[in-house]
C-alpha atoms as a PDB file:
ATOM      1  CA  MET A   1      85.427 192.983 127.221  1.00  0.00           C
ATOM      2  CA  ALA A   2      84.863 191.435 123.883  1.00  0.00           C
ATOM      3  CA  PHE A   3      82.146 189.152 125.493  1.00  0.00           C
ATOM      4  CA  GLN A   4      80.346 191.213 126.986  1.00  0.00           C
ATOM      5  CA  ASP A   5      77.427 191.245 124.984  1.00  0.00           C
ATOM      6  CA  THR A   6      77.826 187.792 123.306  1.00  0.00           C
ATOM      7  CA  ARG A   7      77.163 184.441 125.504  1.00  0.00           C
ATOM      8  CA  VAL A   8      78.444 180.960 124.688  1.00  0.00           C
ATOM      9  CA  GLN A   9      76.501 177.807 126.521  1.00  0.00           C
ATOM     10  CA  TRP A  10      78.281 174.446 125.985  1.00  0.00           C
ATOM     11  CA  LEU A  11      75.849 171.742 125.647  1.00  0.00           C
ATOM     12  CA  GLY A  12      78.335 168.759 125.547  1.00  0.00           C
ATOM     13  CA  HIS A  13      80.644 167.040 122.941  1.00  0.00           C
ATOM     14  CA  ALA A  14      80.910 169.737 120.088  1.00  0.00           C
ATOM     15  CA  THR A  15      77.444 171.216 120.867  1.00  0.00           C
ATOM     16  CA  PHE A  16      77.228 175.143 121.068  1.00  0.00           C
ATOM     17  CA  ARG A  17      74.813 177.698 121.631  1.00  0.00           C
ATOM     18  CA  ILE A  18      75.728 181.278 120.936  1.00  0.00           C
ATOM     19  CA  THR A  19      73.765 184.242 121.639  1.00  0.00           C
ATOM     20  CA  THR A  20      75.244 187.229 119.655  1.00  0.00           C
ATOM     21  CA  PRO A  21      74.630 190.610 120.882  1.00  0.00           C
ATOM     22  CA  GLY A  22      71.823 191.453 118.378  1.00  0.00           C
ATOM     23  CA  GLY A  23      69.788 188.949 120.326  1.00  0.00           C
ATOM     24  CA  LYS A  24      70.394 185.650 117.416  1.00  0.00           C
ATOM     25  CA  GLU A  25      70.268 182.479 118.852  1.00  0.00           C
ATOM     26  CA  VAL A  26      72.849 180.078 116.612  1.00  0.00           C
ATOM     27  CA  LEU A  27      73.618 176.748 117.163  1.00  0.00           C
ATOM     28  CA  ILE A  28      76.585 174.965 116.408  1.00  0.00           C
ATOM     29  CA  ASP A  29      76.428 171.413 115.789  1.00  0.00           C
ATOM     30  CA  PRO A  30      73.374 170.054 117.026  1.00  0.00           C
ATOM     31  CA  PHE A  31      73.653 166.842 118.581  1.00  0.00           C
ATOM     32  CA  LEU A  32      71.095 166.871 121.322  1.00  0.00           C
ATOM     33  CA  GLU A  33      68.588 164.327 121.805  1.00  0.00           C
ATOM     34  CA  GLN A  34      71.098 160.867 121.910  1.00  0.00           C
ATOM     35  CA  ASN A  35      74.235 163.415 123.698  1.00  0.00           C
ATOM     36  CA  PRO A  36      74.747 161.594 126.580  1.00  0.00           C
ATOM     37  CA  SER A  37      76.646 165.227 127.640  1.00  0.00           C
ATOM     38  CA  CYS A  38      73.780 167.215 127.217  1.00  0.00           C
ATOM     39  CA  PRO A  39      71.263 168.650 129.884  1.00  0.00           C
ATOM     40  CA  THR A  40      67.992 167.188 129.297  1.00  0.00           C
ATOM     41  CA  GLU A  41      66.452 170.623 129.614  1.00  0.00           C
ATOM     42  CA  LEU A  42      68.716 171.686 126.481  1.00  0.00           C
ATOM     43  CA  LYS A  43      67.746 168.768 124.308  1.00  0.00           C
ATOM     44  CA  ARG A  44      64.816 170.600 122.002  1.00  0.00           C
ATOM     45  CA  PRO A  45      65.380 174.158 121.610  1.00  0.00           C
ATOM     46  CA  GLN A  46      62.528 176.038 120.412  1.00  0.00           C
ATOM     47  CA  ARG A  47      64.129 179.181 119.557  1.00  0.00           C
ATOM     48  CA  LEU A  48      67.000 179.230 116.463  1.00  0.00           C
ATOM     49  CA  ASP A  49      68.018 181.982 114.264  1.00  0.00           C
ATOM     50  CA  LEU A  50      70.895 179.748 112.501  1.00  0.00           C
ATOM     51  CA  ILE A  51      72.438 176.402 112.631  1.00  0.00           C
ATOM     52  CA  LEU A  52      76.228 175.344 111.816  1.00  0.00           C
ATOM     53  CA  VAL A  53      77.063 172.082 110.645  1.00  0.00           C
ATOM     54  CA  THR A  54      80.494 171.502 110.759  1.00  0.00           C
ATOM     55  CA  HIS A  55      80.437 167.840 109.257  1.00  0.00           C
ATOM     56  CA  ALA A  56      77.981 164.879 108.407  1.00  0.00           C
ATOM     57  CA  HIS A  57      79.003 162.697 111.159  1.00  0.00           C
ATOM     58  CA  GLN A  58      75.993 161.399 113.729  1.00  0.00           C
ATOM     59  CA  ASP A  59      77.550 162.895 116.388  1.00  0.00           C
ATOM     60  CA  HIS A  60      76.971 166.204 114.824  1.00  0.00           C
ATOM     61  CA  VAL A  61      74.370 166.001 112.689  1.00  0.00           C
ATOM     62  CA  GLY A  62      71.807 163.833 114.448  1.00  0.00           C
ATOM     63  CA  ASP A  63      69.619 166.862 115.240  1.00  0.00           C
ATOM     64  CA  ALA A  64      69.714 169.150 112.638  1.00  0.00           C
ATOM     65  CA  VAL A  65      66.509 167.645 110.300  1.00  0.00           C
ATOM     66  CA  ALA A  66      64.721 167.716 113.916  1.00  0.00           C
ATOM     67  CA  THR A  67      65.564 171.132 115.172  1.00  0.00           C
ATOM     68  CA  ALA A  68      65.874 173.170 112.103  1.00  0.00           C
ATOM     69  CA  GLN A  69      61.893 171.789 111.321  1.00  0.00           C
ATOM     70  CA  ARG A  70      60.810 172.441 114.640  1.00  0.00           C
ATOM     71  CA  THR A  71      62.779 175.772 114.924  1.00  0.00           C
ATOM     72  CA  GLY A  72      62.431 177.166 111.431  1.00  0.00           C
ATOM     73  CA  ALA A  73      66.226 177.910 111.917  1.00  0.00           C
ATOM     74  CA  GLU A  74      68.374 178.478 108.581  1.00  0.00           C
ATOM     75  CA  VAL A  75      71.193 175.946 108.522  1.00  0.00           C
ATOM     76  CA  VAL A  76      74.516 176.268 106.634  1.00  0.00           C
ATOM     77  CA  ALA A  77      76.591 173.435 106.018  1.00  0.00           C
ATOM     78  CA  VAL A  78      79.339 172.216 102.827  1.00  0.00           C
ATOM     79  CA  VAL A  79      77.533 171.549  99.718  1.00  0.00           C
ATOM     80  CA  GLU A  80      77.410 168.135 100.035  1.00  0.00           C
ATOM     81  CA  ALA A  81      75.823 167.615 103.351  1.00  0.00           C
ATOM     82  CA  ALA A  82      73.692 170.605 102.668  1.00  0.00           C
ATOM     83  CA  ALA A  83      71.907 168.497  99.530  1.00  0.00           C
ATOM     84  CA  TRP A  84      71.265 165.862 102.015  1.00  0.00           C
ATOM     85  CA  LEU A  85      69.696 168.200 104.712  1.00  0.00           C
ATOM     86  CA  GLU A  86      67.491 169.349 102.253  1.00  0.00           C
ATOM     87  CA  ARG A  87      66.706 165.856 100.843  1.00  0.00           C
ATOM     88  CA  GLN A  88      65.593 165.148 104.543  1.00  0.00           C
ATOM     89  CA  GLY A  89      62.919 168.115 104.199  1.00  0.00           C
ATOM     90  CA  VAL A  90      64.854 170.952 105.862  1.00  0.00           C
ATOM     91  CA  GLU A  91      63.728 174.248 103.913  1.00  0.00           C
ATOM     92  CA  ARG A  92      66.334 176.735 104.505  1.00  0.00           C
ATOM     93  CA  VAL A  93      69.709 175.143 103.721  1.00  0.00           C
ATOM     94  CA  VAL A  94      72.928 177.406 102.536  1.00  0.00           C
ATOM     95  CA  GLY A  95      75.424 174.968 100.888  1.00  0.00           C
ATOM     96  CA  MET A  96      78.398 176.807 101.025  1.00  0.00           C
ATOM     97  CA  ASN A  97      82.602 175.702 100.864  1.00  0.00           C
ATOM     98  CA  LYS A  98      85.933 175.965 102.650  1.00  0.00           C
ATOM     99  CA  GLY A  99      87.099 179.304 102.436  1.00  0.00           C
ATOM    100  CA  GLY A 100      84.129 180.865 101.791  1.00  0.00           C
ATOM    101  CA  SER A 101      81.653 183.885 103.784  1.00  0.00           C
ATOM    102  CA  TYR A 102      78.296 184.451 104.026  1.00  0.00           C
ATOM    103  CA  ARG A 103      76.703 187.217 105.431  1.00  0.00           C
ATOM    104  CA  THR A 104      73.135 186.631 106.763  1.00  0.00           C
ATOM    105  CA  GLN A 105      70.971 188.081 109.893  1.00  0.00           C
ATOM    106  CA  GLY A 106      73.947 190.307 110.585  1.00  0.00           C
ATOM    107  CA  LEU A 107      76.335 187.666 111.029  1.00  0.00           C
ATOM    108  CA  VAL A 108      79.260 187.038 108.840  1.00  0.00           C
ATOM    109  CA  VAL A 109      79.766 182.961 108.411  1.00  0.00           C
ATOM    110  CA  THR A 110      83.152 181.980 107.383  1.00  0.00           C
ATOM    111  CA  MET A 111      84.254 178.288 106.470  1.00  0.00           C
ATOM    112  CA  VAL A 112      87.804 177.207 106.982  1.00  0.00           C
ATOM    113  CA  HIS A 113      89.632 174.221 106.632  1.00  0.00           C
ATOM    114  CA  ALA A 114      89.462 171.067 109.179  1.00  0.00           C
ATOM    115  CA  ASP A 115      91.412 168.108 109.013  1.00  0.00           C
ATOM    116  CA  HIS A 116      88.980 164.994 109.582  1.00  0.00           C
ATOM    117  CA  SER A 117      86.997 162.335 108.258  1.00  0.00           C
ATOM    118  CA  THR A 118      83.047 162.649 107.448  1.00  0.00           C
ATOM    119  CA  GLY A 119      80.119 160.286 106.432  1.00  0.00           C
ATOM    120  CA  ILE A 120      76.200 160.619 106.960  1.00  0.00           C
ATOM    121  CA  ALA A 121      75.126 157.196 108.297  1.00  0.00           C
ATOM    122  CA  GLN A 122      72.409 155.531 106.456  1.00  0.00           C
ATOM    123  CA  PRO A 123      69.541 153.017 107.324  1.00  0.00           C
ATOM    124  CA  ASP A 124      71.392 149.884 106.458  1.00  0.00           C
ATOM    125  CA  GLY A 125      74.480 151.136 108.722  1.00  0.00           C
ATOM    126  CA  THR A 126      76.461 152.133 105.658  1.00  0.00           C
ATOM    127  CA  LEU A 127      78.023 155.474 105.253  1.00  0.00           C
ATOM    128  CA  ALA A 128      76.965 158.019 102.704  1.00  0.00           C
ATOM    129  CA  TYR A 129      79.768 160.755 101.695  1.00  0.00           C
ATOM    130  CA  GLY A 130      78.699 164.043 102.751  1.00  0.00           C
ATOM    131  CA  GLY A 131      81.395 166.509 102.050  1.00  0.00           C
ATOM    132  CA  GLU A 132      84.631 167.510 103.621  1.00  0.00           C
ATOM    133  CA  SER A 133      84.804 168.220 107.239  1.00  0.00           C
ATOM    134  CA  ALA A 134      85.392 172.001 108.331  1.00  0.00           C
ATOM    135  CA  GLY A 135      85.216 174.401 110.653  1.00  0.00           C
ATOM    136  CA  TYR A 136      83.892 178.396 110.959  1.00  0.00           C
ATOM    137  CA  ILE A 137      84.693 181.533 112.061  1.00  0.00           C
ATOM    138  CA  LEU A 138      81.354 183.807 112.911  1.00  0.00           C
ATOM    139  CA  GLU A 139      81.668 187.193 113.563  1.00  0.00           C
ATOM    140  CA  MET A 140      79.312 188.943 115.677  1.00  0.00           C
ATOM    141  CA  GLU A 141      77.331 192.095 114.640  1.00  0.00           C
ATOM    142  CA  ASN A 142      79.717 194.232 117.001  1.00  0.00           C
ATOM    143  CA  GLY A 143      83.107 192.624 115.482  1.00  0.00           C
ATOM    144  CA  THR A 144      83.675 189.886 117.652  1.00  0.00           C
ATOM    145  CA  ARG A 145      84.733 186.484 116.416  1.00  0.00           C
ATOM    146  CA  ILE A 146      84.641 182.649 117.495  1.00  0.00           C
ATOM    147  CA  TYR A 147      86.426 179.900 115.864  1.00  0.00           C
ATOM    148  CA  HIS A 148      84.827 176.667 116.240  1.00  0.00           C
ATOM    149  CA  THR A 149      87.334 174.342 114.771  1.00  0.00           C
ATOM    150  CA  GLY A 150      85.180 171.402 114.152  1.00  0.00           C
ATOM    151  CA  ASP A 151      86.587 168.115 114.758  1.00  0.00           C
ATOM    152  CA  THR A 152      89.821 167.993 113.507  1.00  0.00           C
ATOM    153  CA  ALA A 153      93.803 167.032 113.743  1.00  0.00           C
ATOM    154  CA  VAL A 154      95.831 170.070 114.590  1.00  0.00           C
ATOM    155  CA  PHE A 155      97.002 171.580 110.667  1.00  0.00           C
ATOM    156  CA  GLY A 156     100.041 174.131 110.011  1.00  0.00           C
ATOM    157  CA  ASP A 157      97.496 176.246 108.294  1.00  0.00           C
ATOM    158  CA  MET A 158      95.468 177.182 111.428  1.00  0.00           C
ATOM    159  CA  ARG A 159      98.125 179.514 111.833  1.00  0.00           C
ATOM    160  CA  LEU A 160      97.278 181.420 108.476  1.00  0.00           C
ATOM    161  CA  ILE A 161      93.452 181.391 110.098  1.00  0.00           C
ATOM    162  CA  GLY A 162      94.522 182.803 112.887  1.00  0.00           C
ATOM    163  CA  GLU A 163      96.457 185.831 111.161  1.00  0.00           C
ATOM    164  CA  LEU A 164      93.483 186.084 109.173  1.00  0.00           C
ATOM    165  CA  TYR A 165      90.469 186.110 111.206  1.00  0.00           C
ATOM    166  CA  ARG A 166      92.408 187.265 114.489  1.00  0.00           C
ATOM    167  CA  PRO A 167      89.651 185.239 116.536  1.00  0.00           C
ATOM    168  CA  ASP A 168      88.711 186.198 119.994  1.00  0.00           C
ATOM    169  CA  LEU A 169      87.662 182.577 121.311  1.00  0.00           C
ATOM    170  CA  VAL A 170      88.235 179.345 119.939  1.00  0.00           C
ATOM    171  CA  MET A 171      86.440 176.229 120.773  1.00  0.00           C
ATOM    172  CA  LEU A 172      88.628 173.222 119.650  1.00  0.00           C
ATOM    173  CA  PRO A 173      88.483 169.780 120.583  1.00  0.00           C
ATOM    174  CA  VAL A 174      90.829 167.477 123.569  1.00  0.00           C
ATOM    175  CA  GLY A 175      89.433 164.462 123.596  1.00  0.00           C
ATOM    176  CA  ASP A 176      91.785 162.154 121.758  1.00  0.00           C
ATOM    177  CA  PHE A 177      91.063 159.162 119.601  1.00  0.00           C
ATOM    178  CA  TYR A 178      89.042 160.613 116.819  1.00  0.00           C
ATOM    179  CA  THR A 179      90.227 164.221 117.506  1.00  0.00           C
ATOM    180  CA  MET A 180      93.309 166.281 118.766  1.00  0.00           C
ATOM    181  CA  GLY A 181      93.961 165.018 122.131  1.00  0.00           C
ATOM    182  CA  PRO A 182      95.809 168.183 124.714  1.00  0.00           C
ATOM    183  CA  ARG A 183      99.060 167.808 123.201  1.00  0.00           C
ATOM    184  CA  GLU A 184      97.803 168.312 119.740  1.00  0.00           C
ATOM    185  CA  ALA A 185      95.317 170.993 120.590  1.00  0.00           C
ATOM    186  CA  ALA A 186      98.086 172.558 122.847  1.00  0.00           C
ATOM    187  CA  MET A 187     100.011 172.834 119.502  1.00  0.00           C
ATOM    188  CA  ALA A 188      97.078 174.251 117.726  1.00  0.00           C
ATOM    189  CA  LEU A 189      96.683 177.045 120.438  1.00  0.00           C
ATOM    190  CA  ARG A 190     100.176 178.219 119.564  1.00  0.00           C
ATOM    191  CA  LEU A 191      99.670 178.555 115.863  1.00  0.00           C
ATOM    192  CA  ILE A 192      96.057 180.182 116.053  1.00  0.00           C
ATOM    193  CA  GLY A 193      97.155 182.752 119.016  1.00  0.00           C
ATOM    194  CA  ALA A 194      93.842 183.381 120.337  1.00  0.00           C
ATOM    195  CA  PRO A 195      93.346 184.489 123.975  1.00  0.00           C
ATOM    196  CA  LEU A 196      90.555 182.875 124.804  1.00  0.00           C
ATOM    197  CA  ALA A 197      89.722 178.494 124.659  1.00  0.00           C
ATOM    198  CA  ILE A 198      87.056 176.498 125.653  1.00  0.00           C
ATOM    199  CA  PRO A 199      87.943 173.030 125.074  1.00  0.00           C
ATOM    200  CA  MET A 200      85.332 170.569 123.643  1.00  0.00           C
ATOM    201  CA  HIS A 201      84.927 166.776 122.422  1.00  0.00           C
ATOM    202  CA  PHE A 202      85.584 165.097 125.335  1.00  0.00           C
ATOM    203  CA  GLY A 203      84.343 162.552 127.955  1.00  0.00           C
ATOM    204  CA  THR A 204      81.244 161.960 126.348  1.00  0.00           C
ATOM    205  CA  PHE A 205      82.693 158.544 125.240  1.00  0.00           C
ATOM    206  CA  PRO A 206      85.377 156.148 127.017  1.00  0.00           C
ATOM    207  CA  ALA A 207      87.226 156.655 124.168  1.00  0.00           C
ATOM    208  CA  LEU A 208      87.388 160.535 124.658  1.00  0.00           C
ATOM    209  CA  THR A 209      90.022 160.541 127.143  1.00  0.00           C
ATOM    210  CA  GLY A 210      91.900 163.731 126.815  1.00  0.00           C
ATOM    211  CA  THR A 211      90.778 166.552 129.264  1.00  0.00           C
ATOM    212  CA  PRO A 212      90.791 170.418 129.924  1.00  0.00           C
ATOM    213  CA  ALA A 213      93.481 169.958 133.177  1.00  0.00           C
ATOM    214  CA  GLU A 214      95.885 168.639 130.199  1.00  0.00           C
ATOM    215  CA  LEU A 215      95.423 170.931 127.726  1.00  0.00           C
ATOM    216  CA  ARG A 216      95.794 173.848 130.547  1.00  0.00           C
ATOM    217  CA  ALA A 217      99.059 172.295 131.674  1.00  0.00           C
ATOM    218  CA  LYS A 218     100.635 172.071 128.124  1.00  0.00           C
ATOM    219  CA  THR A 219      99.727 175.874 127.219  1.00  0.00           C
ATOM    220  CA  ALA A 220     100.848 176.611 130.665  1.00  0.00           C
ATOM    221  CA  ASP A 221     103.958 179.048 129.389  1.00  0.00           C
ATOM    222  CA  LEU A 222     101.418 180.763 127.020  1.00  0.00           C
ATOM    223  CA  ALA A 223     100.964 184.202 128.069  1.00  0.00           C
ATOM    224  CA  GLY A 224      98.034 185.893 127.623  1.00  0.00           C
ATOM    225  CA  LEU A 225      95.801 182.471 127.025  1.00  0.00           C
ATOM    226  CA  THR A 226      92.991 181.424 129.018  1.00  0.00           C
ATOM    227  CA  ILE A 227      92.035 177.990 129.247  1.00  0.00           C
ATOM    228  CA  ILE A 228      87.744 178.285 129.753  1.00  0.00           C
ATOM    229  CA  PRO A 229      87.019 174.592 131.060  1.00  0.00           C
ATOM    230  CA  LEU A 230      82.749 174.850 131.073  1.00  0.00           C
ATOM    231  CA  LYS A 231      80.360 171.699 132.171  1.00  0.00           C
ATOM    232  CA  PRO A 232      77.378 171.022 129.780  1.00  0.00           C
ATOM    233  CA  GLY A 233      74.950 173.685 129.964  1.00  0.00           C
ATOM    234  CA  GLU A 234      77.370 176.026 131.617  1.00  0.00           C
ATOM    235  CA  THR A 235      78.261 179.431 129.694  1.00  0.00           C
ATOM    236  CA  TYR A 236      80.753 182.059 129.136  1.00  0.00           C
ATOM    237  CA  PRO A 237      80.857 184.728 130.473  1.00  0.00           C
END
């Protein structure tokens, strides 16, 4: 089975910790201390090798600086957000862009499109430009591929992403209002064609009303698809 050597832990919202077959620890979208869904004991990871930031909204990048400085992890982000992270004192930052792949620590990180806004919160309450939003294909040492869509609407080129990278598992938002809801996420899964899906970005705040149960109902006719509804802190497999 593709995930016998890979551990995926949901920390609430869009934040995931992945343990790779080679023992690397990868954190996607570090929203921890202010994340009401993240279990208290998981808010301050002490060992990480790689951090991936999909975009610069506070509920995705909010703990990137502190977490990178505490763990010494390498951080990957779109170039504009990467430049901002460097200015905040993060030492190991890689700024890349959509369509490109970066090989590091035995892993392959590919940045793909996401359809969403972005902006870096400033002390005066304004938002500074943080580059475009993105998703990631993360390929493990053994070839297993995970697709974290980032915050996004459904878009037709998800079919191309599915055809190009053949992800084994996709993490996608279902909460609605700020991202896809279950109806749009169901269409996204039809386009991508992955056999496993973990819903995310729901229930954290009152506006995020979509649920994994709704997604499962709207994809019940998709043969070969398994929806994995995790609770914060739970892991797959």
